[in-house]
């Protein structure tokens, strides 16, 4: 089964982590949560979920993972301010490993300059940012690009997001 890296910090959109993580784990995949500080607890912006961080970005190597999950909320915007997270995410795109980004998750990929020429979606407030980054933006519940990148817009799209993400992990 796949080893999935999840870059996450406080103010993530609760269900955009909890529901995909549950779906991946139910299929036998392993998730490693990554932030600045191992052992720290980060909280979702809705106050419904808290996640214990498994590893520090300083202690992980992207070569040790098969796929990347980027939940939305304010988390991706915070993470993209740190070059370590940008470089980590860019590795998955450059190596054609599966990347799953929902809602504001594509912000990290925009900063990594990894979306140009790709079809993708994201939360409506970042649609213009995505277009300026050279994305073929599609306002659909899920967009799969080049059998590598799965993107969705919002929590309502999670069933489609999970379905397509799991297909890529088979």
C-alpha atoms as a PDB file:
ATOM      1  CA  UNK A   1       0.000   0.000   0.000  1.00  0.00           C
ATOM      2  CA  UNK A   2       1.030   3.612  -0.464  1.00  0.00           C
ATOM      3  CA  UNK A   3       2.788   5.914   1.959  1.00  0.00           C
ATOM      4  CA  UNK A   4       1.072   9.307   1.764  1.00  0.00           C
ATOM      5  CA  UNK A   5       2.656  12.512   3.042  1.00  0.00           C
ATOM      6  CA  UNK A   6       0.191  15.104   4.313  1.00  0.00           C
ATOM      7  CA  UNK A   7       1.464  18.657   4.774  1.00  0.00           C
ATOM      8  CA  UNK A   8      -0.760  20.364   7.315  1.00  0.00           C
ATOM      9  CA  UNK A   9      -0.795  23.046   9.995  1.00  0.00           C
ATOM     10  CA  UNK A  10      -3.409  24.737  12.159  1.00  0.00           C
ATOM     11  CA  UNK A  11      -6.466  26.263  10.528  1.00  0.00           C
ATOM     12  CA  UNK A  12      -6.820  23.430   8.000  1.00  0.00           C
ATOM     13  CA  UNK A  13     -10.372  22.733   6.831  1.00  0.00           C
ATOM     14  CA  UNK A  14     -11.318  19.918   9.214  1.00  0.00           C
ATOM     15  CA  UNK A  15     -13.177  17.542   6.874  1.00  0.00           C
ATOM     16  CA  UNK A  16     -10.693  18.112   4.050  1.00  0.00           C
ATOM     17  CA  UNK A  17      -8.184  16.229   6.171  1.00  0.00           C
ATOM     18  CA  UNK A  18     -10.347  13.853   8.218  1.00  0.00           C
ATOM     19  CA  UNK A  19     -12.464  12.415   5.400  1.00  0.00           C
ATOM     20  CA  UNK A  20      -9.663  11.751   2.865  1.00  0.00           C
ATOM     21  CA  UNK A  21      -7.395  10.427   5.653  1.00  0.00           C
ATOM     22  CA  UNK A  22     -10.115   8.018   6.765  1.00  0.00           C
ATOM     23  CA  UNK A  23     -10.749   6.888   3.170  1.00  0.00           C
ATOM     24  CA  UNK A  24      -7.019   6.300   2.565  1.00  0.00           C
ATOM     25  CA  UNK A  25      -6.530   4.426   5.845  1.00  0.00           C
ATOM     26  CA  UNK A  26      -9.615   2.272   5.195  1.00  0.00           C
ATOM     27  CA  UNK A  27      -7.949   1.115   1.973  1.00  0.00           C
ATOM     28  CA  UNK A  28      -4.731   0.246   3.794  1.00  0.00           C
ATOM     29  CA  UNK A  29      -2.679   3.335   2.942  1.00  0.00           C
ATOM     30  CA  UNK A  30      -0.426   4.970   5.534  1.00  0.00           C
ATOM     31  CA  UNK A  31      -0.554   8.719   6.194  1.00  0.00           C
ATOM     32  CA  UNK A  32       2.269  10.740   7.729  1.00  0.00           C
ATOM     33  CA  UNK A  33       1.339  14.241   8.854  1.00  0.00           C
ATOM     34  CA  UNK A  34       4.104  16.806   8.360  1.00  0.00           C
ATOM     35  CA  UNK A  35       4.465  20.285   9.852  1.00  0.00           C
ATOM     36  CA  UNK A  36       7.284  22.307  11.404  1.00  0.00           C
ATOM     37  CA  UNK A  37       7.238  20.439  14.703  1.00  0.00           C
ATOM     38  CA  UNK A  38       6.876  16.692  15.273  1.00  0.00           C
ATOM     39  CA  UNK A  39       4.510  15.731  18.103  1.00  0.00           C
ATOM     40  CA  UNK A  40       2.650  19.041  17.968  1.00  0.00           C
ATOM     41  CA  UNK A  41      -1.144  19.066  17.796  1.00  0.00           C
ATOM     42  CA  UNK A  42      -2.715  21.218  15.091  1.00  0.00           C
ATOM     43  CA  UNK A  43      -6.368  22.210  15.076  1.00  0.00           C
ATOM     44  CA  UNK A  44      -8.860  22.572  12.271  1.00  0.00           C
ATOM     45  CA  UNK A  45     -10.460  25.942  11.642  1.00  0.00           C
ATOM     46  CA  UNK A  46     -13.930  24.590  12.444  1.00  0.00           C
ATOM     47  CA  UNK A  47     -12.714  23.297  15.806  1.00  0.00           C
ATOM     48  CA  UNK A  48     -13.921  19.783  14.989  1.00  0.00           C
ATOM     49  CA  UNK A  49     -10.582  18.075  14.366  1.00  0.00           C
ATOM     50  CA  UNK A  50      -7.141  18.048  15.860  1.00  0.00           C
ATOM     51  CA  UNK A  51      -4.219  16.215  14.319  1.00  0.00           C
ATOM     52  CA  UNK A  52      -0.994  15.090  15.966  1.00  0.00           C
ATOM     53  CA  UNK A  53       1.974  15.806  13.714  1.00  0.00           C
ATOM     54  CA  UNK A  54       4.034  12.708  12.924  1.00  0.00           C
ATOM     55  CA  UNK A  55       7.145  14.367  11.496  1.00  0.00           C
ATOM     56  CA  UNK A  56       8.924  17.676  11.078  1.00  0.00           C
ATOM     57  CA  UNK A  57       9.548  18.941   7.551  1.00  0.00           C
ATOM     58  CA  UNK A  58      13.231  18.982   8.558  1.00  0.00           C
ATOM     59  CA  UNK A  59      13.196  15.211   9.144  1.00  0.00           C
ATOM     60  CA  UNK A  60      11.385  13.917   6.050  1.00  0.00           C
ATOM     61  CA  UNK A  61      12.521  13.066   2.557  1.00  0.00           C
ATOM     62  CA  UNK A  62       9.926  13.208  -0.239  1.00  0.00           C
ATOM     63  CA  UNK A  63      11.554  10.132  -1.814  1.00  0.00           C
ATOM     64  CA  UNK A  64      10.170   8.108   1.122  1.00  0.00           C
ATOM     65  CA  UNK A  65       6.562   8.784   0.081  1.00  0.00           C
ATOM     66  CA  UNK A  66       4.360   7.641  -2.797  1.00  0.00           C
ATOM     67  CA  UNK A  67       1.813  10.485  -2.791  1.00  0.00           C
ATOM     68  CA  UNK A  68       1.018  13.894  -1.281  1.00  0.00           C
ATOM     69  CA  UNK A  69      -2.209  15.174   0.331  1.00  0.00           C
ATOM     70  CA  UNK A  70      -2.740  18.933   0.746  1.00  0.00           C
ATOM     71  CA  UNK A  71      -5.928  19.743   2.691  1.00  0.00           C
ATOM     72  CA  UNK A  72      -7.424  23.209   2.324  1.00  0.00           C
ATOM     73  CA  UNK A  73      -8.374  25.927   4.749  1.00  0.00           C
ATOM     74  CA  UNK A  74      -5.703  28.439   5.773  1.00  0.00           C
ATOM     75  CA  UNK A  75      -3.056  25.732   6.193  1.00  0.00           C
ATOM     76  CA  UNK A  76      -1.679  25.744   2.602  1.00  0.00           C
ATOM     77  CA  UNK A  77      -1.312  29.525   2.603  1.00  0.00           C
ATOM     78  CA  UNK A  78       0.766  29.345   5.785  1.00  0.00           C
ATOM     79  CA  UNK A  79       2.898  26.452   4.520  1.00  0.00           C
ATOM     80  CA  UNK A  80       3.702  28.080   1.190  1.00  0.00           C
ATOM     81  CA  UNK A  81       5.547  30.831   3.031  1.00  0.00           C
ATOM     82  CA  UNK A  82       8.265  28.277   3.873  1.00  0.00           C
ATOM     83  CA  UNK A  83      10.530  27.164   1.030  1.00  0.00           C
ATOM     84  CA  UNK A  84      10.935  23.713   2.635  1.00  0.00           C
ATOM     85  CA  UNK A  85       7.240  22.924   2.084  1.00  0.00           C
ATOM     86  CA  UNK A  86       7.303  24.433  -1.401  1.00  0.00           C
ATOM     87  CA  UNK A  87      10.292  22.279  -2.394  1.00  0.00           C
ATOM     88  CA  UNK A  88       8.701  19.208  -0.778  1.00  0.00           C
ATOM     89  CA  UNK A  89       5.461  19.646  -2.764  1.00  0.00           C
ATOM     90  CA  UNK A  90       7.330  20.431  -5.998  1.00  0.00           C
ATOM     91  CA  UNK A  91       9.165  17.099  -5.720  1.00  0.00           C
ATOM     92  CA  UNK A  92       5.893  15.158  -6.045  1.00  0.00           C
ATOM     93  CA  UNK A  93       4.801  17.153  -9.083  1.00  0.00           C
ATOM     94  CA  UNK A  94       8.205  16.899 -10.765  1.00  0.00           C
ATOM     95  CA  UNK A  95       8.449  13.151 -10.090  1.00  0.00           C
ATOM     96  CA  UNK A  96       4.888  12.549 -11.374  1.00  0.00           C
ATOM     97  CA  UNK A  97       3.783  11.097  -8.039  1.00  0.00           C
ATOM     98  CA  UNK A  98       0.085  11.431  -7.138  1.00  0.00           C
ATOM     99  CA  UNK A  99      -0.854  14.769  -5.561  1.00  0.00           C
ATOM    100  CA  UNK A 100      -4.256  15.352  -3.957  1.00  0.00           C
ATOM    101  CA  UNK A 101      -5.109  19.029  -3.313  1.00  0.00           C
ATOM    102  CA  UNK A 102      -8.505  20.298  -2.220  1.00  0.00           C
ATOM    103  CA  UNK A 103      -9.981  23.778  -1.757  1.00  0.00           C
ATOM    104  CA  UNK A 104      -7.015  26.110  -1.014  1.00  0.00           C
ATOM    105  CA  UNK A 105      -4.510  23.231  -1.306  1.00  0.00           C
ATOM    106  CA  UNK A 106      -3.442  24.283  -4.823  1.00  0.00           C
ATOM    107  CA  UNK A 107      -1.967  27.485  -3.322  1.00  0.00           C
ATOM    108  CA  UNK A 108       1.084  25.471  -2.283  1.00  0.00           C
ATOM    109  CA  UNK A 109       1.415  24.119  -5.842  1.00  0.00           C
ATOM    110  CA  UNK A 110       1.061  27.638  -7.292  1.00  0.00           C
ATOM    111  CA  UNK A 111       3.995  28.779  -5.159  1.00  0.00           C
ATOM    112  CA  UNK A 112       5.937  25.689  -6.278  1.00  0.00           C
ATOM    113  CA  UNK A 113       5.272  26.804  -9.870  1.00  0.00           C
ATOM    114  CA  UNK A 114       3.988  23.315 -10.628  1.00  0.00           C
ATOM    115  CA  UNK A 115       0.570  23.954 -12.155  1.00  0.00           C
ATOM    116  CA  UNK A 116       1.302  25.736 -15.419  1.00  0.00           C
ATOM    117  CA  UNK A 117      -0.353  23.980 -18.346  1.00  0.00           C
ATOM    118  CA  UNK A 118      -2.359  21.643 -16.142  1.00  0.00           C
ATOM    119  CA  UNK A 119      -6.089  21.267 -15.675  1.00  0.00           C
ATOM    120  CA  UNK A 120      -7.165  21.753 -12.066  1.00  0.00           C
ATOM    121  CA  UNK A 121      -9.767  23.239  -9.776  1.00  0.00           C
ATOM    122  CA  UNK A 122      -9.816  24.840  -6.354  1.00  0.00           C
ATOM    123  CA  UNK A 123     -11.907  27.064  -4.126  1.00  0.00           C
ATOM    124  CA  UNK A 124     -13.535  29.904  -6.098  1.00  0.00           C
ATOM    125  CA  UNK A 125     -11.503  32.593  -4.311  1.00  0.00           C
ATOM    126  CA  UNK A 126      -8.241  31.198  -5.726  1.00  0.00           C
ATOM    127  CA  UNK A 127      -9.556  30.609  -9.273  1.00  0.00           C
ATOM    128  CA  UNK A 128      -7.947  33.821 -10.565  1.00  0.00           C
ATOM    129  CA  UNK A 129      -4.665  32.958  -8.818  1.00  0.00           C
ATOM    130  CA  UNK A 130      -4.728  29.581 -10.531  1.00  0.00           C
ATOM    131  CA  UNK A 131      -5.447  31.148 -13.913  1.00  0.00           C
ATOM    132  CA  UNK A 132      -2.536  33.588 -13.472  1.00  0.00           C
ATOM    133  CA  UNK A 133      -0.363  30.558 -12.643  1.00  0.00           C
ATOM    134  CA  UNK A 134      -1.207  29.114 -16.068  1.00  0.00           C
ATOM    135  CA  UNK A 135      -3.813  26.594 -14.921  1.00  0.00           C
ATOM    136  CA  UNK A 136      -6.648  25.481 -17.165  1.00  0.00           C
ATOM    137  CA  UNK A 137      -9.153  26.152 -14.347  1.00  0.00           C
ATOM    138  CA  UNK A 138     -12.296  24.030 -14.375  1.00  0.00           C
ATOM    139  CA  UNK A 139     -15.210  24.729 -12.028  1.00  0.00           C
ATOM    140  CA  UNK A 140     -16.008  21.042 -11.404  1.00  0.00           C
ATOM    141  CA  UNK A 141     -16.256  18.882  -8.274  1.00  0.00           C
ATOM    142  CA  UNK A 142     -13.107  16.999  -9.214  1.00  0.00           C
ATOM    143  CA  UNK A 143     -10.457  17.378 -11.902  1.00  0.00           C
ATOM    144  CA  UNK A 144      -7.876  14.684 -12.616  1.00  0.00           C
ATOM    145  CA  UNK A 145      -4.901  15.795 -14.693  1.00  0.00           C
ATOM    146  CA  UNK A 146      -2.378  13.475 -16.344  1.00  0.00           C
ATOM    147  CA  UNK A 147      -3.224  10.609 -13.959  1.00  0.00           C
ATOM    148  CA  UNK A 148      -1.246  12.451 -11.294  1.00  0.00           C
ATOM    149  CA  UNK A 149      -3.047  15.496  -9.933  1.00  0.00           C
ATOM    150  CA  UNK A 150      -6.471  15.322  -8.266  1.00  0.00           C
ATOM    151  CA  UNK A 151      -8.065  18.632  -7.256  1.00  0.00           C
ATOM    152  CA  UNK A 152     -11.458  19.583  -5.833  1.00  0.00           C
ATOM    153  CA  UNK A 153     -13.130  22.852  -4.850  1.00  0.00           C
ATOM    154  CA  UNK A 154     -14.680  22.445  -1.392  1.00  0.00           C
ATOM    155  CA  UNK A 155     -15.955  20.066   1.296  1.00  0.00           C
ATOM    156  CA  UNK A 156     -19.067  19.134  -0.737  1.00  0.00           C
ATOM    157  CA  UNK A 157     -16.728  17.656  -3.364  1.00  0.00           C
ATOM    158  CA  UNK A 158     -14.963  15.265  -0.955  1.00  0.00           C
ATOM    159  CA  UNK A 159     -16.752  12.073  -2.110  1.00  0.00           C
ATOM    160  CA  UNK A 160     -15.579  12.656  -5.714  1.00  0.00           C
ATOM    161  CA  UNK A 161     -12.124  13.767  -4.472  1.00  0.00           C
ATOM    162  CA  UNK A 162     -11.710  10.588  -2.418  1.00  0.00           C
ATOM    163  CA  UNK A 163     -12.985   8.353  -5.230  1.00  0.00           C
ATOM    164  CA  UNK A 164     -10.545   9.739  -7.812  1.00  0.00           C
ATOM    165  CA  UNK A 165      -7.634   9.893  -5.360  1.00  0.00           C
ATOM    166  CA  UNK A 166      -8.107   6.241  -4.412  1.00  0.00           C
ATOM    167  CA  UNK A 167      -8.188   5.263  -8.117  1.00  0.00           C
ATOM    168  CA  UNK A 168      -4.713   6.772  -8.568  1.00  0.00           C
ATOM    169  CA  UNK A 169      -3.390   4.814  -5.588  1.00  0.00           C
ATOM    170  CA  UNK A 170      -4.474   1.444  -7.018  1.00  0.00           C
END
